[in-house]
Amino acid sequence: MQAPAGPGEIARACAEGIAELAKSHDFAGRMNLDYTPGEARTELQRAAQRAETDPYGAALRAALTTDAPGRPAGG
């Protein structure tokens, strides 16, 4: 049986997890994810290709990209 983790161990594990997730939040300086349909497709394809080194990137982008790129103008 393993001894309970102390506060320092828990803090280190949290910091490591946050650092790993932060890698996926790089949008190349883009402040608004208002992609055109083509841009959205390209960005999601690129994220999927990086899945081995950034396993969260594609899921994050899919979650943050609304249905707006696929909606008709004014819809």
C-alpha atoms as a PDB file:
ATOM      1  CA  MET A   1       0.000   0.000   0.000  1.00  0.00           C
ATOM      2  CA  GLN A   2       1.286   3.434  -0.929  1.00  0.00           C
ATOM      3  CA  ALA A   3       1.493   6.235   1.616  1.00  0.00           C
ATOM      4  CA  PRO A   4      -0.887   9.172   1.074  1.00  0.00           C
ATOM      5  CA  ALA A   5       0.530  11.997  -1.009  1.00  0.00           C
ATOM      6  CA  GLY A   6       1.551  15.124   0.832  1.00  0.00           C
ATOM      7  CA  PRO A   7       0.663  18.681  -0.152  1.00  0.00           C
ATOM      8  CA  GLY A   8       3.952  19.167  -2.014  1.00  0.00           C
ATOM      9  CA  GLU A   9       3.459  16.036  -4.105  1.00  0.00           C
ATOM     10  CA  ILE A  10      -0.093  17.033  -4.927  1.00  0.00           C
ATOM     11  CA  ALA A  11       0.983  20.552  -5.890  1.00  0.00           C
ATOM     12  CA  ARG A  12       3.743  19.198  -8.162  1.00  0.00           C
ATOM     13  CA  ALA A  13       1.340  16.799  -9.872  1.00  0.00           C
ATOM     14  CA  CYS A  14      -1.172  19.622 -10.418  1.00  0.00           C
ATOM     15  CA  ALA A  15       1.514  21.914 -11.839  1.00  0.00           C
ATOM     16  CA  GLU A  16       2.678  19.191 -14.233  1.00  0.00           C
ATOM     17  CA  GLY A  17      -0.892  18.568 -15.407  1.00  0.00           C
ATOM     18  CA  ILE A  18      -1.572  22.263 -15.912  1.00  0.00           C
ATOM     19  CA  ALA A  19       1.667  22.662 -17.878  1.00  0.00           C
ATOM     20  CA  GLU A  20       0.658  19.758 -20.116  1.00  0.00           C
ATOM     21  CA  LEU A  21      -2.800  21.216 -20.779  1.00  0.00           C
ATOM     22  CA  ALA A  22      -1.368  24.703 -21.370  1.00  0.00           C
ATOM     23  CA  LYS A  23       0.509  23.449 -24.432  1.00  0.00           C
ATOM     24  CA  SER A  24      -2.839  22.933 -26.167  1.00  0.00           C
ATOM     25  CA  HIS A  25      -3.941  26.519 -25.539  1.00  0.00           C
ATOM     26  CA  ASP A  26      -1.555  28.105 -28.046  1.00  0.00           C
ATOM     27  CA  PHE A  27      -3.634  29.661 -30.806  1.00  0.00           C
ATOM     28  CA  ALA A  28      -0.720  31.467 -32.459  1.00  0.00           C
ATOM     29  CA  GLY A  29      -1.750  34.792 -30.944  1.00  0.00           C
ATOM     30  CA  ARG A  30      -5.287  34.584 -32.250  1.00  0.00           C
ATOM     31  CA  MET A  31      -7.632  36.161 -29.703  1.00  0.00           C
ATOM     32  CA  ASN A  32     -10.923  35.277 -31.393  1.00  0.00           C
ATOM     33  CA  LEU A  33     -11.582  31.831 -32.828  1.00  0.00           C
ATOM     34  CA  ASP A  34     -13.921  33.176 -35.501  1.00  0.00           C
ATOM     35  CA  TYR A  35     -12.688  30.825 -38.204  1.00  0.00           C
ATOM     36  CA  THR A  36     -14.087  30.616 -41.692  1.00  0.00           C
ATOM     37  CA  PRO A  37     -15.163  27.084 -42.623  1.00  0.00           C
ATOM     38  CA  GLY A  38     -11.864  26.517 -44.451  1.00  0.00           C
ATOM     39  CA  GLU A  39      -9.775  27.887 -41.581  1.00  0.00           C
ATOM     40  CA  ALA A  40     -11.654  25.755 -39.055  1.00  0.00           C
ATOM     41  CA  ARG A  41     -11.118  22.612 -41.122  1.00  0.00           C
ATOM     42  CA  THR A  42      -7.422  23.366 -41.592  1.00  0.00           C
ATOM     43  CA  GLU A  43      -6.874  24.156 -37.905  1.00  0.00           C
ATOM     44  CA  LEU A  44      -8.663  20.991 -36.775  1.00  0.00           C
ATOM     45  CA  GLN A  45      -6.737  18.860 -39.276  1.00  0.00           C
ATOM     46  CA  ARG A  46      -3.431  20.320 -38.073  1.00  0.00           C
ATOM     47  CA  ALA A  47      -4.396  19.679 -34.461  1.00  0.00           C
ATOM     48  CA  ALA A  48      -5.327  16.086 -35.297  1.00  0.00           C
ATOM     49  CA  GLN A  49      -1.938  15.584 -36.964  1.00  0.00           C
ATOM     50  CA  ARG A  50      -0.223  16.784 -33.760  1.00  0.00           C
ATOM     51  CA  ALA A  51      -2.241  14.383 -31.593  1.00  0.00           C
ATOM     52  CA  GLU A  52       0.791  12.281 -30.675  1.00  0.00           C
ATOM     53  CA  THR A  53       2.598  15.245 -29.116  1.00  0.00           C
ATOM     54  CA  ASP A  54      -0.506  17.276 -28.184  1.00  0.00           C
ATOM     55  CA  PRO A  55      -3.286  14.831 -27.277  1.00  0.00           C
ATOM     56  CA  TYR A  56      -5.651  17.587 -26.077  1.00  0.00           C
ATOM     57  CA  GLY A  57      -5.307  20.090 -28.929  1.00  0.00           C
ATOM     58  CA  ALA A  58      -7.860  18.666 -31.344  1.00  0.00           C
ATOM     59  CA  ALA A  59     -10.469  18.140 -28.637  1.00  0.00           C
ATOM     60  CA  LEU A  60      -9.923  21.645 -27.279  1.00  0.00           C
ATOM     61  CA  ARG A  61     -10.233  23.238 -30.711  1.00  0.00           C
ATOM     62  CA  ALA A  62     -13.318  21.191 -31.540  1.00  0.00           C
ATOM     63  CA  ALA A  63     -14.917  22.272 -28.264  1.00  0.00           C
ATOM     64  CA  LEU A  64     -14.046  25.950 -28.729  1.00  0.00           C
ATOM     65  CA  THR A  65     -14.954  26.145 -32.396  1.00  0.00           C
ATOM     66  CA  THR A  66     -18.673  26.746 -32.523  1.00  0.00           C
ATOM     67  CA  ASP A  67     -20.943  25.784 -35.354  1.00  0.00           C
ATOM     68  CA  ALA A  68     -20.509  29.327 -36.753  1.00  0.00           C
ATOM     69  CA  PRO A  69     -18.025  28.304 -39.491  1.00  0.00           C
ATOM     70  CA  GLY A  70     -20.637  25.926 -40.915  1.00  0.00           C
ATOM     71  CA  ARG A  71     -23.598  28.291 -40.643  1.00  0.00           C
ATOM     72  CA  PRO A  72     -24.776  30.320 -43.624  1.00  0.00           C
ATOM     73  CA  ALA A  73     -24.079  34.047 -43.427  1.00  0.00           C
ATOM     74  CA  GLY A  74     -26.703  35.808 -41.355  1.00  0.00           C
ATOM     75  CA  GLY A  75     -27.848  32.477 -39.841  1.00  0.00           C
END
